[in-house]
Protein backbone atom coordinates (compact mmCIF):
# COMPACT_ATOMS: atom_id res chain seq x y z
CA UNK A 1 -16.05 -13.98 -11.90
CA UNK A 2 -13.49 -11.52 -11.12
CA UNK A 3 -10.78 -13.97 -11.81
CA UNK A 4 -11.78 -14.44 -15.43
CA UNK A 5 -11.37 -10.45 -16.36
CA UNK A 6 -8.75 -9.97 -19.28
CA UNK A 7 -5.37 -9.02 -18.11
CA UNK A 8 -6.72 -9.14 -14.19
CA UNK A 9 -2.86 -10.26 -12.10
CA UNK A 10 -3.14 -11.83 -9.54
CA UNK A 11 -0.90 -10.78 -6.60
CA UNK A 12 0.74 -12.20 -3.32
CA UNK A 13 1.52 -8.78 -0.96
CA UNK A 14 4.23 -9.14 0.95
CA UNK A 15 5.56 -6.11 3.25
CA UNK A 16 8.44 -4.31 0.88
CA UNK A 17 7.51 -6.70 -2.39
CA UNK A 18 4.60 -8.67 -4.29
CA UNK A 19 4.96 -11.83 -6.37
CA UNK A 20 3.08 -12.01 -9.19
CA UNK A 21 1.10 -15.59 -9.00
CA UNK A 22 -0.78 -15.02 -12.22
CA UNK A 23 0.68 -12.44 -14.73
CA UNK A 24 -1.63 -9.70 -16.32
CA UNK A 25 -1.47 -5.98 -16.73
CA UNK A 26 -3.36 -4.70 -13.39
CA UNK A 27 -5.10 -5.63 -10.06
CA UNK A 28 -7.95 -3.86 -8.89
CA UNK A 29 -8.09 -1.31 -5.99
CA UNK A 30 -10.12 -2.97 -3.03
CA UNK A 31 -11.66 0.38 -2.31
CA UNK A 32 -12.88 1.95 -5.02
CA UNK A 33 -12.48 -1.39 -7.78
CA UNK A 34 -10.49 0.95 -9.99
CA UNK A 35 -7.84 -0.87 -12.02
CA UNK A 36 -4.42 -0.20 -10.66
CA UNK A 37 -1.71 -0.56 -13.70
CA UNK A 38 1.08 -3.00 -12.27
CA UNK A 39 3.95 -0.18 -12.51
CA UNK A 40 1.75 2.18 -10.71
CA UNK A 41 1.17 -0.01 -8.04
CA UNK A 42 2.61 1.86 -5.05
CA UNK A 43 0.18 1.08 -2.55
CA UNK A 44 -1.17 -2.37 -0.49
CA UNK A 45 -1.35 -4.11 2.37
CA UNK A 46 0.45 -7.67 3.25
CA UNK A 47 -1.74 -8.56 5.82
CA UNK A 48 -5.23 -7.79 4.03
CA UNK A 49 -3.74 -9.26 0.91
CA UNK A 50 -5.02 -5.75 -1.10
CA UNK A 51 -3.83 -3.14 -3.07
CA UNK A 52 -5.37 0.45 -3.19
CA UNK A 53 -5.41 3.45 -5.83
CA UNK A 54 -3.33 6.02 -3.83
CA UNK A 55 -2.60 7.01 -0.45
CA UNK A 56 -6.39 8.52 0.00
CA UNK A 57 -7.81 4.56 -0.27
CA UNK A 58 -5.29 3.13 1.34
CA UNK A 59 -5.97 5.27 4.71
CA UNK A 60 -9.63 4.18 4.14
CA UNK A 61 -9.07 0.71 3.96
CA UNK A 62 -6.52 0.73 6.92
CA UNK A 63 -9.44 2.18 8.98
CA UNK A 64 -11.60 0.60 8.19
CA UNK A 65 -9.94 -2.60 9.06
CA UNK A 66 -9.38 -1.17 12.53
CA UNK A 67 -12.71 -1.67 13.59
CA UNK A 68 -12.35 -5.21 12.35
CA UNK A 69 -8.63 -6.28 12.86
CA UNK A 70 -8.40 -5.83 16.58
CA UNK A 71 -5.30 -5.01 16.84
CA UNK A 72 -2.76 -2.40 13.75
CA UNK A 73 -2.20 -3.38 10.36
CA UNK A 74 0.55 -2.01 8.17
CA UNK A 75 -0.28 -0.60 4.72
CA UNK A 76 2.80 -0.02 2.49
CA UNK A 77 3.72 2.49 0.18
CA UNK A 78 7.05 2.70 -2.02
């Protein structure tokens, strides 16, 4: 189960920031599955509650969700 990965944080993403629900050192990219250290996390979607490794992954997720969302959703970058 993914929740049992040692060091995996659980976050709640907001438009401008995120809250730590369960402390940890990293999250996983929703597109690539790669580890993202929390201090490196710059891209996420509040709407879909997903983290992204970088701009390329965020764009891929945005385009993918456009086919299922029915309306535009924002991806945040810091």
